[in-house]
C-alpha atoms as a PDB file:
ATOM      1  CA  MET A   1      -0.090   0.307   0.040  1.00  0.00           C
ATOM      2  CA  ALA A   2       1.574   3.410  -0.923  1.00  0.00           C
ATOM      3  CA  THR A   3       1.621   6.239   1.429  1.00  0.00           C
ATOM      4  CA  LEU A   4      -0.410   8.912   0.165  1.00  0.00           C
ATOM      5  CA  THR A   5       0.846  12.457   1.176  1.00  0.00           C
ATOM      6  CA  PHE A   6      -1.143  14.953   2.738  1.00  0.00           C
ATOM      7  CA  PRO A   7      -0.493  18.812   2.553  1.00  0.00           C
ATOM      8  CA  THR A   8       1.658  20.683   5.150  1.00  0.00           C
ATOM      9  CA  SER A   9       0.725  23.920   3.894  1.00  0.00           C
ATOM     10  CA  LEU A  10      -2.713  26.306   3.598  1.00  0.00           C
ATOM     11  CA  PRO A  11      -1.505  26.597  -0.572  1.00  0.00           C
ATOM     12  CA  ASN A  12      -0.565  22.701  -0.635  1.00  0.00           C
ATOM     13  CA  PHE A  13      -3.524  21.437   0.942  1.00  0.00           C
ATOM     14  CA  GLN A  14      -5.891  23.958  -1.556  1.00  0.00           C
ATOM     15  CA  ARG A  15      -3.762  21.866  -4.429  1.00  0.00           C
ATOM     16  CA  LEU A  16      -4.572  18.288  -3.667  1.00  0.00           C
ATOM     17  CA  PHE A  17      -7.704  19.716  -2.348  1.00  0.00           C
ATOM     18  CA  PRO A  18      -9.541  21.834  -4.999  1.00  0.00           C
ATOM     19  CA  ASP A  19     -13.062  20.758  -3.893  1.00  0.00           C
ATOM     20  CA  GLU A  20     -15.353  17.968  -2.747  1.00  0.00           C
ATOM     21  CA  ILE A  21     -14.478  15.625  -5.249  1.00  0.00           C
ATOM     22  CA  ALA A  22     -11.047  15.894  -4.758  1.00  0.00           C
ATOM     23  CA  CYS A  23     -11.496  15.648  -1.216  1.00  0.00           C
ATOM     24  CA  ALA A  24     -13.449  12.437  -1.757  1.00  0.00           C
ATOM     25  CA  ASP A  25     -11.121  10.529  -4.122  1.00  0.00           C
ATOM     26  CA  TYR A  26      -8.479  11.328  -1.414  1.00  0.00           C
ATOM     27  CA  LEU A  27     -10.871   9.586   0.974  1.00  0.00           C
ATOM     28  CA  GLU A  28     -12.217   6.910  -0.661  1.00  0.00           C
ATOM     29  CA  ASP A  29      -8.307   5.976  -1.203  1.00  0.00           C
ATOM     30  CA  VAL A  30      -7.483   6.487   2.944  1.00  0.00           C
ATOM     31  CA  ARG A  31     -10.446   3.891   3.570  1.00  0.00           C
ATOM     32  CA  TRP A  32     -10.204   1.002   0.116  1.00  0.00           C
ATOM     33  CA  PRO A  33      -6.233   1.703  -0.755  1.00  0.00           C
ATOM     34  CA  ASP A  34      -6.482  -1.940  -2.743  1.00  0.00           C
ATOM     35  CA  GLY A  35     -10.013  -0.639  -4.396  1.00  0.00           C
ATOM     36  CA  PHE A  36     -13.780  -0.534  -3.105  1.00  0.00           C
ATOM     37  CA  VAL A  37     -15.023  -3.377  -1.599  1.00  0.00           C
ATOM     38  CA  CYS A  38     -18.433  -3.192   0.098  1.00  0.00           C
ATOM     39  CA  PRO A  39     -19.114  -3.010   3.699  1.00  0.00           C
ATOM     40  CA  LEU A  40     -22.352  -4.646   3.033  1.00  0.00           C
ATOM     41  CA  CYS A  41     -21.738  -7.990   0.714  1.00  0.00           C
ATOM     42  CA  GLY A  42     -18.596  -7.753   0.256  1.00  0.00           C
ATOM     43  CA  TRP A  43     -18.440  -7.088  -3.585  1.00  0.00           C
ATOM     44  CA  THR A  44     -15.132  -5.503  -4.994  1.00  0.00           C
ATOM     45  CA  GLY A  45     -14.924  -3.648  -8.147  1.00  0.00           C
ATOM     46  CA  GLU A  46     -15.997   0.023  -9.592  1.00  0.00           C
ATOM     47  CA  PRO A  47     -18.856   1.825  -7.548  1.00  0.00           C
ATOM     48  CA  TYR A  48     -21.675   3.775  -9.248  1.00  0.00           C
ATOM     49  CA  ARG A  49     -20.445   7.289  -8.619  1.00  0.00           C
ATOM     50  CA  PHE A  50     -22.656  10.539  -8.344  1.00  0.00           C
ATOM     51  CA  ARG A  51     -21.658  13.772  -9.509  1.00  0.00           C
ATOM     52  CA  ASP A  52     -24.323  15.961  -6.825  1.00  0.00           C
ATOM     53  CA  LYS A  53     -23.136  13.579  -3.894  1.00  0.00           C
ATOM     54  CA  PRO A  54     -19.479  12.679  -4.004  1.00  0.00           C
ATOM     55  CA  GLY A  55     -18.992  11.019  -0.550  1.00  0.00           C
ATOM     56  CA  VAL A  56     -21.838   8.170  -1.743  1.00  0.00           C
ATOM     57  CA  LEU A  57     -20.859   5.198  -3.474  1.00  0.00           C
ATOM     58  CA  ARG A  58     -23.632   2.556  -4.952  1.00  0.00           C
ATOM     59  CA  CYS A  59     -22.553  -1.139  -4.981  1.00  0.00           C
ATOM     60  CA  ARG A  60     -22.929  -2.289  -8.524  1.00  0.00           C
ATOM     61  CA  ASN A  61     -24.076  -5.644  -6.847  1.00  0.00           C
ATOM     62  CA  CYS A  62     -26.350  -5.005  -4.101  1.00  0.00           C
ATOM     63  CA  LYS A  63     -26.972  -1.462  -4.561  1.00  0.00           C
ATOM     64  CA  ARG A  64     -26.602  -0.213  -1.277  1.00  0.00           C
ATOM     65  CA  ASP A  65     -25.366   3.007  -0.283  1.00  0.00           C
ATOM     66  CA  THR A  66     -22.412   3.475   1.338  1.00  0.00           C
ATOM     67  CA  ARG A  67     -21.164   6.789   2.960  1.00  0.00           C
ATOM     68  CA  LEU A  68     -17.357   7.272   2.421  1.00  0.00           C
ATOM     69  CA  THR A  69     -17.478   8.895   6.233  1.00  0.00           C
ATOM     70  CA  ALA A  70     -19.463   5.976   7.542  1.00  0.00           C
ATOM     71  CA  GLY A  71     -17.935   4.428  10.820  1.00  0.00           C
ATOM     72  CA  THR A  72     -15.753   7.718  10.952  1.00  0.00           C
ATOM     73  CA  ILE A  73     -15.649  10.394  12.820  1.00  0.00           C
ATOM     74  CA  MET A  74     -16.651  12.072  10.609  1.00  0.00           C
ATOM     75  CA  GLN A  75     -20.013   9.979   9.858  1.00  0.00           C
ATOM     76  CA  ASP A  76     -22.649  12.570  11.629  1.00  0.00           C
ATOM     77  CA  THR A  77     -21.391  15.762  10.525  1.00  0.00           C
ATOM     78  CA  ARG A  78     -22.431  18.129   7.269  1.00  0.00           C
ATOM     79  CA  THR A  79     -19.385  19.436   7.358  1.00  0.00           C
ATOM     80  CA  PRO A  80     -17.719  19.604   3.752  1.00  0.00           C
ATOM     81  CA  PHE A  81     -15.227  17.366   3.141  1.00  0.00           C
ATOM     82  CA  ASN A  82     -12.261  19.996   2.521  1.00  0.00           C
ATOM     83  CA  ALA A  83     -13.345  21.845   5.500  1.00  0.00           C
ATOM     84  CA  PHE A  84     -13.118  18.736   7.693  1.00  0.00           C
ATOM     85  CA  GLN A  85      -9.887  17.480   6.153  1.00  0.00           C
ATOM     86  CA  SER A  86      -8.436  21.047   6.851  1.00  0.00           C
ATOM     87  CA  VAL A  87      -9.471  20.374  10.501  1.00  0.00           C
ATOM     88  CA  LEU A  88      -8.150  16.965  10.702  1.00  0.00           C
ATOM     89  CA  GLY A  89      -4.678  17.897   9.149  1.00  0.00           C
ATOM     90  CA  ILE A  90      -4.342  20.441  11.664  1.00  0.00           C
ATOM     91  CA  ALA A  91      -4.821  17.941  14.862  1.00  0.00           C
ATOM     92  CA  ALA A  92      -2.768  15.407  13.122  1.00  0.00           C
ATOM     93  CA  ARG A  93       0.652  17.839  12.661  1.00  0.00           C
ATOM     94  CA  THR A  94      -0.206  19.046  16.104  1.00  0.00           C
ATOM     95  CA  THR A  95      -1.279  15.772  18.291  1.00  0.00           C
ATOM     96  CA  GLY A  96       0.935  13.044  16.307  1.00  0.00           C
ATOM     97  CA  PRO A  97      -1.508  10.769  14.376  1.00  0.00           C
ATOM     98  CA  THR A  98      -1.532  10.347  10.923  1.00  0.00           C
ATOM     99  CA  TYR A  99      -4.230  12.180   8.735  1.00  0.00           C
ATOM    100  CA  GLU A 100      -4.964   7.601   7.832  1.00  0.00           C
ATOM    101  CA  GLU A 101      -5.251   7.056  11.842  1.00  0.00           C
ATOM    102  CA  LEU A 102      -7.086  10.033  12.415  1.00  0.00           C
ATOM    103  CA  TYR A 103      -9.819   9.036   9.483  1.00  0.00           C
ATOM    104  CA  SER A 104     -10.163   5.375   9.853  1.00  0.00           C
ATOM    105  CA  GLY A 105     -11.667   5.781  13.310  1.00  0.00           C
ATOM    106  CA  GLU A 106      -8.619   4.352  15.110  1.00  0.00           C
ATOM    107  CA  TRP A 107      -7.968   7.764  17.533  1.00  0.00           C
ATOM    108  CA  GLN A 108     -11.843   7.199  18.043  1.00  0.00           C
ATOM    109  CA  HIS A 109     -11.399   3.757  19.639  1.00  0.00           C
ATOM    110  CA  LEU A 110      -8.085   4.599  21.786  1.00  0.00           C
ATOM    111  CA  GLY A 111     -10.791   7.595  23.035  1.00  0.00           C
ATOM    112  CA  GLU A 112     -13.460   4.854  23.847  1.00  0.00           C
ATOM    113  CA  VAL A 113     -11.033   2.290  25.795  1.00  0.00           C
ATOM    114  CA  GLU A 114      -8.991   5.390  27.333  1.00  0.00           C
ATOM    115  CA  ASN A 115     -12.400   6.262  28.834  1.00  0.00           C
ATOM    116  CA  ALA A 116     -13.717   2.487  30.032  1.00  0.00           C
END
């Protein structure tokens, strides 16, 4: 698996993530580095994409939708991807985890364990 680079400055961030589609593409690569796998039926392949919903992918097998943010700290937010990624990028640089760890929910689970 290749490591995805995350920008370290605002100009680099704006170049890498100019719009919601670029952010969604990045999140998809973080979530499924070897390609989409439907979390519901296990099908692998290229999902259907919606032009007006860059954060939603539809399985070509079971026809169910999957949000890129499902199961992550972003799942209940209405904040646009590029704004949320900016916040996560700042958090990653100041607290230590990689962006991929923040997105994957590892930090969320760590917090739940520490609070138990």
